[in-house]
Amino acid sequence: MVEVILNRLQGVKQKATHKWLAKCPAHDDRSPSLGVRLADDDKVLIHCFGGCQVADVVASVGLELSDLFPKQASYGKATHKPRFNAADLLSLCVQESMILVVALGDCWAGRAVSDEDQARIQRAVDTLFDIRQEVRKWR
């Protein structure tokens, strides 16, 4: 969306990565006084150093305030719908952690770990990493 906005402005000059200056279309601007920046979350931030309101700037180029925000914005909600209930994941974490605790106790006691137990330990570790990956998607 930032490209659409920049294409509707006059005197656009890129000042840095994702930062531009342009002539403000909401007032008689002889030199660029409108700052435009693309934020990390794909929001377009606009500031007129001459004092114009953002709504006036956006309206003067035929857009609406909602055009400054990404269409899929969730604002504080998970961007990925959780496939699992958090309580269920926590319960599974506890269960898999207990497998590791028992295995560690056996190792400390000097007991040999069978091939079957080694496979189960590896499944516990893999499950815990999978849970971590799933939870990271919720951000």
C-alpha atoms as a PDB file:
ATOM      1  CA  MET A   1       0.000   0.000   0.000  1.00  0.00           C
ATOM      2  CA  VAL A   2       2.902   2.389   0.575  1.00  0.00           C
ATOM      3  CA  GLU A   3       3.569   2.387  -3.185  1.00  0.00           C
ATOM      4  CA  VAL A   4      -0.016   3.478  -3.875  1.00  0.00           C
ATOM      5  CA  ILE A   5       0.311   6.377  -1.451  1.00  0.00           C
ATOM      6  CA  LEU A   6       3.748   7.427  -2.739  1.00  0.00           C
ATOM      7  CA  ASN A   7       2.491   7.366  -6.334  1.00  0.00           C
ATOM      8  CA  ARG A   8      -0.217   9.880  -5.383  1.00  0.00           C
ATOM      9  CA  LEU A   9       2.228  12.354  -3.833  1.00  0.00           C
ATOM     10  CA  GLN A  10       4.414  15.009  -5.452  1.00  0.00           C
ATOM     11  CA  GLY A  11       8.134  15.570  -4.890  1.00  0.00           C
ATOM     12  CA  VAL A  12       8.759  12.168  -3.306  1.00  0.00           C
ATOM     13  CA  LYS A  13      12.351  11.587  -2.195  1.00  0.00           C
ATOM     14  CA  GLN A  14      13.525   8.460  -0.418  1.00  0.00           C
ATOM     15  CA  LYS A  15      15.502   9.394   2.697  1.00  0.00           C
ATOM     16  CA  ALA A  16      16.278   5.905   4.042  1.00  0.00           C
ATOM     17  CA  THR A  17      15.025   2.366   3.766  1.00  0.00           C
ATOM     18  CA  HIS A  18      11.237   2.572   4.125  1.00  0.00           C
ATOM     19  CA  LYS A  19      11.324   6.375   4.720  1.00  0.00           C
ATOM     20  CA  TRP A  20      10.325   9.155   2.321  1.00  0.00           C
ATOM     21  CA  LEU A  21       9.655  12.882   2.248  1.00  0.00           C
ATOM     22  CA  ALA A  22       7.091  14.436  -0.102  1.00  0.00           C
ATOM     23  CA  LYS A  23       5.075  17.578  -0.587  1.00  0.00           C
ATOM     24  CA  CYS A  24       1.998  17.497   1.601  1.00  0.00           C
ATOM     25  CA  PRO A  25      -1.129  17.427  -0.564  1.00  0.00           C
ATOM     26  CA  ALA A  26      -3.289  18.829   2.255  1.00  0.00           C
ATOM     27  CA  HIS A  27      -1.688  22.288   2.168  1.00  0.00           C
ATOM     28  CA  ASP A  28       0.212  24.509  -0.264  1.00  0.00           C
ATOM     29  CA  ASP A  29       3.571  22.846   0.257  1.00  0.00           C
ATOM     30  CA  ARG A  30       6.538  24.403  -1.560  1.00  0.00           C
ATOM     31  CA  SER A  31       9.117  22.035  -0.095  1.00  0.00           C
ATOM     32  CA  PRO A  32       8.623  18.492   1.177  1.00  0.00           C
ATOM     33  CA  SER A  33       7.148  18.503   4.680  1.00  0.00           C
ATOM     34  CA  LEU A  34       5.321  15.166   4.663  1.00  0.00           C
ATOM     35  CA  GLY A  35       7.102  12.218   6.223  1.00  0.00           C
ATOM     36  CA  VAL A  36       6.031   8.753   5.087  1.00  0.00           C
ATOM     37  CA  ARG A  37       7.369   5.594   6.692  1.00  0.00           C
ATOM     38  CA  LEU A  38       6.618   1.913   6.270  1.00  0.00           C
ATOM     39  CA  ALA A  39       6.588   0.291   9.718  1.00  0.00           C
ATOM     40  CA  ASP A  40       7.725  -3.290  10.404  1.00  0.00           C
ATOM     41  CA  ASP A  41       4.126  -4.464  10.586  1.00  0.00           C
ATOM     42  CA  ASP A  42       3.357  -2.964   7.136  1.00  0.00           C
ATOM     43  CA  LYS A  43       1.443   0.002   8.545  1.00  0.00           C
ATOM     44  CA  VAL A  44       2.056   3.240   6.658  1.00  0.00           C
ATOM     45  CA  LEU A  45       2.903   6.073   9.033  1.00  0.00           C
ATOM     46  CA  ILE A  46       2.345   9.650   7.847  1.00  0.00           C
ATOM     47  CA  HIS A  47       3.335  12.909   9.542  1.00  0.00           C
ATOM     48  CA  CYS A  48       3.011  16.417   8.148  1.00  0.00           C
ATOM     49  CA  PHE A  49       5.610  18.688   9.720  1.00  0.00           C
ATOM     50  CA  GLY A  50       3.402  21.610   8.648  1.00  0.00           C
ATOM     51  CA  GLY A  51       0.690  20.465  11.048  1.00  0.00           C
ATOM     52  CA  CYS A  52      -1.882  18.815   8.766  1.00  0.00           C
ATOM     53  CA  GLN A  53      -3.999  16.032  10.200  1.00  0.00           C
ATOM     54  CA  VAL A  54      -3.341  12.529   8.823  1.00  0.00           C
ATOM     55  CA  ALA A  55      -7.014  12.153   7.843  1.00  0.00           C
ATOM     56  CA  ASP A  56      -6.787  15.336   5.756  1.00  0.00           C
ATOM     57  CA  VAL A  57      -3.588  14.195   4.045  1.00  0.00           C
ATOM     58  CA  VAL A  58      -5.031  10.786   3.204  1.00  0.00           C
ATOM     59  CA  ALA A  59      -8.346  12.234   1.989  1.00  0.00           C
ATOM     60  CA  SER A  60      -6.543  14.707  -0.255  1.00  0.00           C
ATOM     61  CA  VAL A  61      -5.044  11.805  -2.251  1.00  0.00           C
ATOM     62  CA  GLY A  62      -8.365   9.957  -2.447  1.00  0.00           C
ATOM     63  CA  LEU A  63      -7.717   7.338   0.221  1.00  0.00           C
ATOM     64  CA  GLU A  64      -9.067   6.505   3.663  1.00  0.00           C
ATOM     65  CA  LEU A  65      -7.307   6.010   6.987  1.00  0.00           C
ATOM     66  CA  SER A  66      -7.947   2.268   6.746  1.00  0.00           C
ATOM     67  CA  ASP A  67      -5.715   2.231   3.640  1.00  0.00           C
ATOM     68  CA  LEU A  68      -2.728   2.898   5.906  1.00  0.00           C
ATOM     69  CA  PHE A  69      -3.108  -0.484   7.581  1.00  0.00           C
ATOM     70  CA  PRO A  70      -2.543  -3.962   6.140  1.00  0.00           C
ATOM     71  CA  LYS A  71      -5.758  -5.745   5.217  1.00  0.00           C
ATOM     72  CA  GLN A  72      -4.921  -8.846   7.275  1.00  0.00           C
ATOM     73  CA  ALA A  73      -3.969  -6.892  10.387  1.00  0.00           C
ATOM     74  CA  SER A  74      -4.918  -8.631  13.599  1.00  0.00           C
ATOM     75  CA  TYR A  75      -3.573  -6.091  16.118  1.00  0.00           C
ATOM     76  CA  GLY A  76      -2.639  -8.109  19.152  1.00  0.00           C
ATOM     77  CA  LYS A  77      -4.308 -11.331  18.093  1.00  0.00           C
ATOM     78  CA  ALA A  78      -2.453 -14.393  16.908  1.00  0.00           C
ATOM     79  CA  THR A  79      -1.692 -14.268  13.207  1.00  0.00           C
ATOM     80  CA  HIS A  80      -1.885 -18.032  13.086  1.00  0.00           C
ATOM     81  CA  LYS A  81      -4.974 -19.724  14.436  1.00  0.00           C
ATOM     82  CA  PRO A  82      -3.823 -22.150  17.126  1.00  0.00           C
ATOM     83  CA  ARG A  83      -4.423 -25.762  16.230  1.00  0.00           C
ATOM     84  CA  PHE A  84      -4.313 -26.735  19.889  1.00  0.00           C
ATOM     85  CA  ASN A  85      -5.735 -25.536  23.163  1.00  0.00           C
ATOM     86  CA  ALA A  86      -3.061 -23.919  25.356  1.00  0.00           C
ATOM     87  CA  ALA A  87      -4.033 -26.050  28.368  1.00  0.00           C
ATOM     88  CA  ASP A  88      -3.644 -29.211  26.287  1.00  0.00           C
ATOM     89  CA  LEU A  89      -0.202 -28.109  25.121  1.00  0.00           C
ATOM     90  CA  LEU A  90       0.859 -27.337  28.669  1.00  0.00           C
ATOM     91  CA  SER A  91      -0.307 -30.769  29.805  1.00  0.00           C
ATOM     92  CA  LEU A  92       1.631 -32.386  26.969  1.00  0.00           C
ATOM     93  CA  CYS A  93       4.737 -30.367  27.922  1.00  0.00           C
ATOM     94  CA  VAL A  94       4.506 -31.662  31.475  1.00  0.00           C
ATOM     95  CA  GLN A  95       4.033 -35.254  30.289  1.00  0.00           C
ATOM     96  CA  GLU A  96       6.987 -35.126  27.875  1.00  0.00           C
ATOM     97  CA  SER A  97       9.160 -33.358  30.461  1.00  0.00           C
ATOM     98  CA  MET A  98       8.453 -36.135  32.948  1.00  0.00           C
ATOM     99  CA  ILE A  99       9.742 -38.674  30.393  1.00  0.00           C
ATOM    100  CA  LEU A 100      12.980 -36.704  30.280  1.00  0.00           C
ATOM    101  CA  VAL A 101      13.161 -36.421  34.077  1.00  0.00           C
ATOM    102  CA  VAL A 102      12.780 -40.188  34.501  1.00  0.00           C
ATOM    103  CA  ALA A 103      15.403 -40.843  31.819  1.00  0.00           C
ATOM    104  CA  LEU A 104      17.805 -38.393  33.444  1.00  0.00           C
ATOM    105  CA  GLY A 105      17.259 -40.085  36.822  1.00  0.00           C
ATOM    106  CA  ASP A 106      18.094 -43.454  35.258  1.00  0.00           C
ATOM    107  CA  CYS A 107      21.284 -42.016  33.759  1.00  0.00           C
ATOM    108  CA  TRP A 108      22.337 -40.508  37.089  1.00  0.00           C
ATOM    109  CA  ALA A 109      21.694 -43.837  38.781  1.00  0.00           C
ATOM    110  CA  GLY A 110      23.982 -45.521  36.267  1.00  0.00           C
ATOM    111  CA  ARG A 111      21.241 -47.589  34.659  1.00  0.00           C
ATOM    112  CA  ALA A 112      21.616 -48.340  30.960  1.00  0.00           C
ATOM    113  CA  VAL A 113      19.093 -46.778  28.623  1.00  0.00           C
ATOM    114  CA  SER A 114      17.560 -49.288  26.231  1.00  0.00           C
ATOM    115  CA  ASP A 115      17.120 -48.608  22.519  1.00  0.00           C
ATOM    116  CA  GLU A 116      13.361 -48.414  23.115  1.00  0.00           C
ATOM    117  CA  ASP A 117      13.860 -45.845  25.895  1.00  0.00           C
ATOM    118  CA  GLN A 118      16.261 -43.842  23.727  1.00  0.00           C
ATOM    119  CA  ALA A 119      13.631 -43.701  20.989  1.00  0.00           C
ATOM    120  CA  ARG A 120      11.005 -42.516  23.513  1.00  0.00           C
ATOM    121  CA  ILE A 121      13.381 -39.858  24.862  1.00  0.00           C
ATOM    122  CA  GLN A 122      13.961 -38.594  21.325  1.00  0.00           C
ATOM    123  CA  ARG A 123      10.178 -38.470  20.727  1.00  0.00           C
ATOM    124  CA  ALA A 124       9.785 -36.406  23.911  1.00  0.00           C
ATOM    125  CA  VAL A 125      12.442 -33.949  22.778  1.00  0.00           C
ATOM    126  CA  ASP A 126      10.920 -33.714  19.285  1.00  0.00           C
ATOM    127  CA  THR A 127       7.459 -33.150  20.750  1.00  0.00           C
ATOM    128  CA  LEU A 128       8.697 -30.333  22.980  1.00  0.00           C
ATOM    129  CA  PHE A 129      10.385 -28.645  20.009  1.00  0.00           C
ATOM    130  CA  ASP A 130       7.210 -29.062  17.936  1.00  0.00           C
ATOM    131  CA  ILE A 131       5.192 -27.413  20.709  1.00  0.00           C
ATOM    132  CA  ARG A 132       7.656 -24.529  20.795  1.00  0.00           C
ATOM    133  CA  GLN A 133       7.297 -24.049  17.037  1.00  0.00           C
ATOM    134  CA  GLU A 134       3.488 -24.144  17.282  1.00  0.00           C
ATOM    135  CA  VAL A 135       3.407 -21.555  20.055  1.00  0.00           C
ATOM    136  CA  ARG A 136       5.755 -19.248  18.114  1.00  0.00           C
ATOM    137  CA  LYS A 137       3.165 -19.135  15.326  1.00  0.00           C
ATOM    138  CA  TRP A 138       0.644 -17.623  17.760  1.00  0.00           C
ATOM    139  CA  ARG A 139       2.558 -14.331  18.035  1.00  0.00           C
END
